[in-house]
Protein backbone atom coordinates (compact mmCIF):
# COMPACT_ATOMS: atom_id res chain seq x y z
CA MET A 1 58.76 110.00 125.29
CA ALA A 2 58.86 108.01 122.05
CA LYS A 3 60.56 104.65 122.23
CA GLN A 4 64.12 104.74 120.91
CA SER A 5 65.09 102.69 117.88
CA GLU A 6 68.09 100.36 117.95
CA LEU A 7 70.16 102.84 115.95
CA GLN A 8 69.29 105.67 118.32
CA ARG A 9 70.45 103.51 121.21
CA MET A 10 73.66 102.75 119.29
CA GLY A 11 74.14 106.48 118.81
CA ASP A 12 73.79 107.15 122.54
CA LYS A 13 76.25 104.36 123.35
CA ALA A 14 78.71 105.72 120.80
CA LEU A 15 78.48 109.20 122.32
CA ALA A 16 79.25 107.78 125.75
CA ALA A 17 82.19 105.81 124.33
CA ALA A 18 83.55 108.86 122.48
CA ARG A 19 83.75 110.81 125.74
CA LYS A 20 85.84 108.01 127.26
CA LEU A 21 88.05 107.71 124.18
CA ALA A 22 88.98 111.40 124.02
CA PRO A 23 91.38 111.41 127.03
CA LEU A 24 93.12 108.07 126.27
CA SER A 25 96.89 108.36 125.92
CA SER A 26 98.69 107.28 122.76
CA LYS A 27 100.40 104.50 124.72
CA LYS A 28 97.07 103.17 125.96
CA LYS A 29 95.53 103.29 122.50
CA ASN A 30 98.47 101.45 120.99
CA SER A 31 98.22 98.65 123.56
CA ILE A 32 94.52 98.31 122.71
CA LEU A 33 95.30 98.21 118.98
CA LYS A 34 97.85 95.43 119.52
CA ALA A 35 95.22 93.45 121.41
CA MET A 36 92.86 93.89 118.45
CA ALA A 37 95.51 92.56 116.06
CA ASP A 38 96.23 89.60 118.34
CA GLU A 39 92.53 88.76 118.58
CA LEU A 40 92.12 88.82 114.81
CA GLU A 41 95.00 86.39 114.40
CA ALA A 42 93.57 84.11 117.10
CA ARG A 43 90.21 84.06 115.31
CA GLN A 44 91.47 83.87 111.73
CA ASN A 45 89.94 80.46 111.03
CA GLU A 46 86.47 81.41 112.22
CA ILE A 47 86.61 84.77 110.45
CA GLN A 48 87.61 83.17 107.15
CA ALA A 49 84.88 80.55 107.64
CA ALA A 50 82.38 83.40 107.93
CA ASN A 51 83.90 84.96 104.81
CA ARG A 52 83.48 81.70 102.87
CA LYS A 53 79.82 81.71 103.80
CA ASP A 54 79.52 85.20 102.30
CA LEU A 55 81.32 84.07 99.15
CA VAL A 56 78.99 81.09 98.69
CA GLU A 57 75.93 83.29 99.15
CA GLY A 58 77.45 85.88 96.80
CA GLN A 59 77.95 83.29 94.08
CA LYS A 60 74.34 82.15 94.48
CA ALA A 61 73.22 85.78 94.24
CA GLY A 62 75.12 86.20 90.97
CA LEU A 63 77.81 88.65 92.10
CA SER A 64 80.39 89.40 89.40
CA ASP A 65 83.91 88.02 89.60
CA ALA A 66 85.17 91.52 90.39
CA MET A 67 82.70 91.88 93.27
CA LEU A 68 83.57 88.43 94.61
CA ASP A 69 87.23 89.40 94.46
CA ARG A 70 86.51 92.51 96.57
CA LEU A 71 84.66 90.30 99.05
CA GLU A 72 87.23 87.54 99.52
CA LEU A 73 89.51 87.54 102.58
CA THR A 74 92.46 85.50 101.32
CA ASP A 75 95.32 84.60 103.65
CA ALA A 76 97.39 87.39 102.10
CA ARG A 77 94.64 89.97 102.57
CA PHE A 78 94.02 88.81 106.12
CA SER A 79 97.72 89.20 106.92
CA SER A 80 97.73 92.61 105.25
CA MET A 81 94.71 93.65 107.31
CA VAL A 82 96.46 92.65 110.55
CA LYS A 83 99.66 94.35 109.40
CA GLY A 84 97.59 97.48 108.80
CA ILE A 85 96.82 97.63 112.52
CA HIS A 86 100.51 97.44 113.37
CA ASP A 87 101.16 100.18 110.80
CA VAL A 88 98.58 102.36 112.55
CA ILE A 89 100.25 101.65 115.90
CA ALA A 90 103.49 103.03 114.44
CA LEU A 91 101.82 106.23 113.24
CA LYS A 92 101.94 109.40 115.28
CA ASP A 93 98.73 110.10 117.18
CA PRO A 94 97.42 113.47 115.95
CA VAL A 95 95.09 114.08 118.90
CA GLY A 96 96.35 116.93 121.06
CA ASP A 97 98.78 118.30 118.48
CA GLN A 98 99.09 122.07 118.48
CA ILE A 99 98.44 123.16 114.91
CA SER A 100 99.46 126.72 115.76
CA THR A 101 99.70 129.10 118.69
CA TRP A 102 99.94 132.86 119.01
CA VAL A 103 99.67 135.63 121.60
CA ARG A 104 97.40 138.64 121.17
CA PRO A 105 98.46 142.17 122.18
CA ASN A 106 96.23 141.85 125.27
CA GLY A 107 98.25 138.84 126.43
CA LEU A 108 95.75 136.11 125.51
CA GLU A 109 97.52 132.96 124.29
CA ILE A 110 95.48 131.19 121.60
CA GLN A 111 96.19 127.58 120.76
CA LYS A 112 94.67 125.71 117.80
CA VAL A 113 94.65 122.04 118.86
CA ARG A 114 93.64 118.81 117.10
CA VAL A 115 90.73 116.94 118.71
CA PRO A 116 88.62 113.91 117.71
CA ILE A 117 85.56 114.44 115.55
CA GLY A 118 83.50 112.33 117.98
CA VAL A 119 81.19 109.69 116.51
CA ILE A 120 81.78 108.63 112.91
CA GLY A 121 79.39 106.50 110.89
CA ILE A 122 81.00 104.38 108.15
CA ILE A 123 78.70 102.97 105.46
CA PHE A 124 80.42 100.59 103.06
CA GLU A 125 79.91 97.77 100.61
CA SER A 126 81.66 94.53 99.67
CA ARG A 127 85.12 94.73 101.23
CA PRO A 128 85.09 93.27 104.75
CA ASN A 129 88.60 94.58 105.49
CA VAL A 130 87.01 98.06 105.67
CA THR A 131 85.47 96.96 108.98
CA VAL A 132 88.93 96.75 110.50
CA ASP A 133 90.62 99.56 108.57
CA ALA A 134 87.90 102.06 109.45
CA ALA A 135 87.55 101.01 113.07
CA VAL A 136 91.26 101.16 113.92
CA LEU A 137 91.83 104.52 112.26
CA CYS A 138 88.80 105.99 113.99
CA PHE A 139 89.95 104.54 117.30
CA LYS A 140 93.57 105.77 117.00
CA SER A 141 92.14 109.26 116.45
CA SER A 142 89.88 108.75 119.52
CA ASN A 143 86.60 108.53 117.61
CA ALA A 144 83.78 106.08 118.30
CA THR A 145 82.55 104.22 115.24
CA ILE A 146 79.21 102.92 113.98
CA LEU A 147 79.80 100.59 111.03
CA ARG A 148 77.17 99.61 108.50
CA GLY A 149 78.45 97.13 105.92
CA GLY A 150 76.71 95.60 102.92
CA LYS A 151 74.57 92.49 103.08
CA GLU A 152 77.03 90.61 100.85
CA ALA A 153 79.68 90.70 103.63
CA ILE A 154 77.45 90.51 106.71
CA HIS A 155 78.91 87.29 108.16
CA SER A 156 82.49 88.50 107.68
CA ASN A 157 81.72 91.92 109.12
CA ARG A 158 80.06 90.50 112.22
CA ALA A 159 83.03 88.24 112.94
CA LEU A 160 85.56 91.02 112.39
CA ALA A 161 83.75 93.68 114.43
CA LEU A 162 83.24 91.28 117.33
CA ALA A 163 86.91 90.28 117.31
CA ILE A 164 88.32 93.80 117.42
CA GLN A 165 85.85 95.08 120.03
CA GLU A 166 86.29 92.09 122.33
CA GLY A 167 90.04 91.98 121.72
CA GLY A 168 90.37 95.66 122.51
CA GLU A 169 88.28 95.39 125.67
CA LYS A 170 90.93 93.05 127.11
CA LYS A 171 93.24 96.07 127.27
CA GLY A 172 90.68 98.70 128.25
CA LEU A 173 88.76 99.64 125.11
CA PRO A 174 85.57 101.39 126.31
CA PRO A 175 82.39 99.41 125.60
CA HIS A 176 80.57 100.30 122.39
CA SER A 177 83.57 102.13 120.91
CA ILE A 178 83.13 100.00 117.78
CA GLN A 179 79.58 99.01 116.88
CA LEU A 180 78.30 97.20 113.81
CA VAL A 181 74.73 97.56 112.58
CA GLN A 182 73.68 93.91 112.66
CA GLY A 183 70.91 94.07 110.07
CA THR A 184 70.97 94.72 106.34
CA ASN A 185 67.77 96.75 106.03
CA ARG A 186 68.27 99.75 103.77
CA ALA A 187 66.16 101.84 106.11
CA ASP A 188 69.03 101.59 108.61
CA VAL A 189 71.24 103.62 106.29
CA LYS A 190 68.70 106.44 106.10
CA GLU A 191 68.26 106.48 109.87
CA LEU A 192 72.01 106.42 110.51
CA VAL A 193 72.66 109.48 108.35
CA GLN A 194 69.90 111.36 110.13
CA LEU A 195 71.12 110.84 113.71
CA GLU A 196 71.71 114.51 114.40
CA GLY A 197 73.28 115.07 117.78
CA LYS A 198 74.48 111.47 117.97
CA VAL A 199 76.62 111.08 114.84
CA ASP A 200 79.09 113.83 113.93
CA LEU A 201 80.19 112.64 110.49
CA VAL A 202 79.25 109.96 107.96
CA ILE A 203 81.69 108.51 105.44
CA PRO A 204 80.07 106.32 102.76
CA ARG A 205 82.26 103.92 100.77
CA GLY A 206 80.61 102.15 97.88
CA GLY A 207 78.98 102.51 94.50
CA GLU A 208 77.44 105.60 92.98
CA GLY A 209 73.92 104.56 94.04
CA LEU A 210 74.91 104.29 97.69
CA ILE A 211 76.67 107.67 97.70
CA GLN A 212 73.71 109.41 96.08
CA ALA A 213 71.26 107.83 98.52
CA VAL A 214 73.34 108.88 101.52
CA VAL A 215 73.73 112.45 100.31
CA ALA A 216 70.01 112.73 99.52
CA ASP A 217 68.97 111.57 103.00
CA ALA A 218 71.74 112.93 105.22
CA ARG A 219 71.16 115.44 108.00
CA VAL A 220 74.70 115.09 109.34
CA PRO A 221 77.91 116.06 107.47
CA VAL A 222 79.06 113.60 104.79
CA ILE A 223 82.48 113.10 103.19
CA LYS A 224 81.95 111.31 99.90
CA HIS A 225 84.11 108.42 98.75
CA TYR A 226 82.70 108.88 95.25
CA LYS A 227 83.28 106.74 92.17
CA GLY A 228 86.73 106.43 90.62
CA VAL A 229 86.62 107.36 86.94
CA CYS A 230 90.41 107.50 86.72
CA HIS A 231 92.38 108.53 83.62
CA ILE A 232 95.86 108.05 82.21
CA TYR A 233 97.02 110.45 79.51
CA ILE A 234 99.84 109.22 77.24
CA ASP A 235 101.58 112.36 76.01
CA LYS A 236 103.54 112.68 72.77
CA GLU A 237 106.75 112.71 74.86
CA ALA A 238 105.94 109.53 76.78
CA ASP A 239 108.14 106.45 76.98
CA LEU A 240 105.66 104.21 75.16
CA THR A 241 106.98 100.87 76.45
CA ARG A 242 106.74 102.15 80.02
CA ALA A 243 103.34 103.68 79.25
CA VAL A 244 101.93 100.30 78.23
CA ASP A 245 103.26 98.77 81.45
CA ILE A 246 101.62 101.49 83.54
CA VAL A 247 98.24 101.27 81.79
CA ASP A 248 98.35 97.47 82.11
CA ASN A 249 99.03 97.74 85.85
CA ALA A 250 96.37 100.38 86.41
CA LYS A 251 93.71 98.36 84.58
CA THR A 252 94.45 94.68 85.20
CA GLN A 253 96.32 94.38 88.51
CA ARG A 254 93.01 94.70 90.36
CA PRO A 255 90.23 96.01 88.13
CA GLY A 256 87.46 96.02 90.76
CA VAL A 257 88.83 98.91 92.82
CA CYS A 258 88.25 102.65 92.70
CA ASN A 259 91.81 103.61 91.71
CA ALA A 260 91.90 101.34 88.65
CA VAL A 261 92.09 103.28 85.38
CA GLU A 262 88.86 103.46 83.38
CA CYS A 263 89.97 105.65 80.47
CA THR A 264 93.26 106.15 78.62
CA LEU A 265 93.79 109.26 76.52
CA VAL A 266 96.44 109.10 73.78
CA HIS A 267 98.12 112.05 72.04
CA ALA A 268 97.47 111.86 68.30
CA ALA A 269 101.19 112.09 67.53
CA VAL A 270 101.87 108.67 69.07
CA ALA A 271 98.54 106.96 68.39
CA ASP A 272 99.76 104.94 65.39
CA GLU A 273 102.55 103.44 67.45
CA VAL A 274 101.07 102.99 70.91
CA LEU A 275 97.52 101.86 70.13
CA PRO A 276 98.63 98.46 68.69
CA MET A 277 100.99 98.06 71.67
CA LEU A 278 98.12 98.69 74.10
CA ALA A 279 95.82 96.34 72.19
CA ASN A 280 98.34 93.48 72.18
CA ARG A 281 98.93 93.75 75.92
CA LEU A 282 95.38 94.37 77.09
CA ILE A 283 93.48 92.00 74.84
CA SER A 284 95.85 89.20 75.90
CA LYS A 285 94.58 89.85 79.43
CA ASN A 286 90.90 89.76 78.38
CA VAL A 287 90.38 93.52 78.54
CA GLU A 288 87.49 94.80 76.45
CA ILE A 289 88.45 98.03 74.69
CA ARG A 290 85.91 100.71 73.87
CA GLY A 291 87.14 103.61 71.81
CA ASP A 292 86.51 106.53 69.48
CA GLU A 293 86.70 106.25 65.68
CA VAL A 294 90.49 106.50 65.57
CA VAL A 295 90.90 103.79 68.19
CA CYS A 296 88.46 101.47 66.42
CA SER A 297 90.30 101.97 63.12
CA HIS A 298 93.57 100.88 64.77
CA ILE A 299 92.14 98.12 66.97
CA PRO A 300 89.66 95.87 65.11
CA GLU A 301 88.58 94.18 68.36
CA ALA A 302 87.55 97.50 69.93
CA LYS A 303 83.90 98.47 70.36
CA ALA A 304 82.66 101.96 69.60
CA ALA A 305 82.36 103.93 72.83
CA THR A 306 79.02 105.55 73.58
CA ALA A 307 78.60 109.01 75.11
CA GLU A 308 77.76 107.35 78.43
CA ASP A 309 80.89 105.19 78.42
CA TRP A 310 83.19 108.14 79.06
CA ASP A 311 81.54 108.68 82.48
CA ASN A 312 81.46 105.02 83.55
CA GLU A 313 83.27 103.40 86.44
CA TYR A 314 83.41 99.82 85.18
CA LEU A 315 85.27 98.11 88.05
CA ASP A 316 85.90 95.39 85.49
CA LEU A 317 88.21 94.46 82.60
CA ILE A 318 86.87 97.20 80.34
CA LEU A 319 88.89 100.24 79.24
CA ASN A 320 87.88 103.33 77.28
CA ILE A 321 90.53 104.76 74.95
CA ARG A 322 90.33 108.12 73.16
CA VAL A 323 92.82 109.90 70.90
CA VAL A 324 93.22 113.63 71.62
CA PRO A 325 95.01 116.33 69.59
CA ASP A 326 96.90 117.85 72.52
CA ILE A 327 97.30 118.01 76.29
CA GLY A 328 94.68 120.74 76.57
CA GLU A 329 92.01 118.45 75.15
CA ALA A 330 93.14 115.66 77.51
CA ILE A 331 92.81 117.94 80.54
CA GLU A 332 89.41 119.18 79.37
CA HIS A 333 88.19 115.58 78.94
CA ILE A 334 89.38 114.61 82.43
CA ASN A 335 87.85 117.63 84.14
CA CYS A 336 84.57 117.01 82.28
CA HIS A 337 84.26 113.22 82.62
CA GLY A 338 86.41 112.35 85.61
CA SER A 339 85.29 111.98 89.21
CA ARG A 340 88.10 114.02 90.82
CA HIS A 341 89.70 110.85 92.09
CA SER A 342 93.07 109.97 90.47
CA ASP A 343 94.52 110.90 87.09
CA ALA A 344 97.98 110.54 85.55
CA ILE A 345 100.14 111.98 82.79
CA LEU A 346 102.89 109.87 81.21
CA SER A 347 105.44 112.23 79.70
CA ALA A 348 109.10 113.27 79.80
CA ASP A 349 108.10 116.87 79.01
CA GLU A 350 108.39 118.88 82.25
CA THR A 351 106.24 121.71 80.87
CA ALA A 352 103.44 119.23 80.09
CA GLN A 353 103.85 117.62 83.49
CA LYS A 354 103.53 120.97 85.25
CA GLN A 355 100.46 121.96 83.20
CA PHE A 356 98.75 118.65 83.97
CA LEU A 357 99.51 118.87 87.70
CA GLN A 358 98.16 122.42 87.89
CA GLU A 359 95.07 122.11 85.71
CA VAL A 360 93.63 118.65 86.45
CA ASP A 361 91.12 119.14 89.25
CA SER A 362 91.43 115.82 91.06
CA SER A 363 92.33 114.77 94.58
CA THR A 364 95.44 112.91 93.37
CA VAL A 365 97.40 113.71 90.22
CA TYR A 366 100.35 111.60 89.02
CA VAL A 367 103.34 112.01 86.76
CA ASN A 368 104.69 108.77 85.22
CA ALA A 369 103.06 106.39 87.70
CA SER A 370 100.03 104.13 88.00
CA THR A 371 96.82 105.43 89.54
CA ARG A 372 96.79 102.27 91.67
CA PHE A 373 98.96 104.02 94.27
CA THR A 374 96.05 106.15 95.54
CA ASP A 375 95.74 104.32 98.82
CA GLY A 376 96.34 105.20 102.45
CA ASN A 377 98.90 102.43 102.93
CA GLU A 378 100.80 103.33 99.78
CA PHE A 379 100.87 106.99 100.89
CA GLY A 380 102.23 106.03 104.30
CA LEU A 381 99.04 106.97 106.12
CA GLY A 382 98.36 103.48 107.49
CA ALA A 383 95.08 101.71 106.76
CA GLU A 384 92.84 104.26 105.08
CA ILE A 385 89.33 105.29 105.99
CA GLY A 386 88.52 106.12 102.39
CA ILE A 387 89.42 108.35 99.46
CA SER A 388 87.56 111.63 99.52
CA THR A 389 86.58 113.17 96.20
CA ASP A 390 85.17 116.17 98.07
CA LYS A 391 87.16 119.31 98.78
CA LEU A 392 85.96 119.88 102.38
CA HIS A 393 87.22 119.01 104.90
CA ALA A 394 89.39 116.20 103.54
CA ARG A 395 90.58 115.29 100.05
CA GLY A 396 92.21 112.14 98.67
CA PRO A 397 93.28 109.21 100.88
CA MET A 398 92.09 109.88 104.41
CA GLY A 399 94.33 108.96 107.32
CA LEU A 400 94.46 109.90 110.99
CA GLU A 401 94.70 113.68 110.62
CA GLU A 402 91.62 113.71 108.39
CA LEU A 403 89.65 112.07 111.23
CA THR A 404 90.28 115.00 113.55
CA THR A 405 88.96 118.52 113.77
CA TYR A 406 90.31 121.29 115.98
CA LYS A 407 89.34 123.59 118.76
CA PHE A 408 90.76 126.84 120.11
CA GLN A 409 92.17 126.81 123.61
CA VAL A 410 92.53 130.33 124.98
CA LEU A 411 94.76 130.97 128.01
CA GLY A 412 94.27 134.21 129.89
CA THR A 413 95.40 135.99 133.04
CA GLY A 414 92.19 137.86 133.85
CA GLN A 415 91.60 139.75 130.59
CA VAL A 416 88.18 141.31 130.00
CA ARG A 417 86.83 142.89 126.84
């Protein structure tokens, strides 16, 4: 028998843990989650010290300001991460729920019941809070987790994973329920996504290159957290002052995240009025504007957008702006250049709102609101596992229910066919 690799051994340990997690009661899981939160708080200083080490190394490696922002565990983000665990505790446990039940003419009772997926591999970059968010959601839904973070956050990830596993074990968390791949070798990613029979699902969270590499190599099912080329369309019936506020929020509040807007489409009827308003607000906040000919004629500081720009996820203070003749052209642009993540219409016209909601093929579609709300916490799902831009089996922000599958339980009284 060939010698097992470290990842194969991790897969076997995760399988064993998953079998012990499946029968845990909601009460037991919640007590374990509280112990995880308590352990994080007790180790906050050492975890943030590990995070500072990552930040120093990231600066030396030339990471952008946006990437360093994603990496940093500030006091506020640490508190939010811990609060996320308590939010998950408060959520209803989906495991064991009867989705539906019916009785056949022969008397067989058929129950469709939610069950854990089993072992979930999470591959992510930059944000160390994903270590905790992913682990606690997987655990609450009775799944074992194998985490593989990026090299830029390795010290933070090690400290966080150790804290929640050891904290949880104090209240009965099965060993190896939460495992972190300790190395940063890219070959580990390829091996992880090929652990057939040991890993049931892989969820990658990161840049376009990571997603494409995972999909190319995977032999197990993958739910893609693909890039966020998000749009806001300013309709001719929009409140323009409010529209500028929304675009500003969606672009500048936190530009290095997947639900930040990357392109604003403006109806031609309001272009003369709203383009200078957008320019004044955004340029004052150091946003680089790239636009079509009409935009450049109204905004001298704007750069001419290239064909490739319309498909870009910048994750930075850069915004594409295009003027369109009507809502149909806006929808066509979004469905052609978007990434099926999050897109918004700003309009008081209910007919336009309805058309946009029906025809834009994205996981989350907004009326008169910022795209920045596409987030598990904001949707009331607790800490999210990711935002799926796929259509199967989950779409949009993924919470507890999206980390379960189902099985049929059939109750008989001696029936034969």
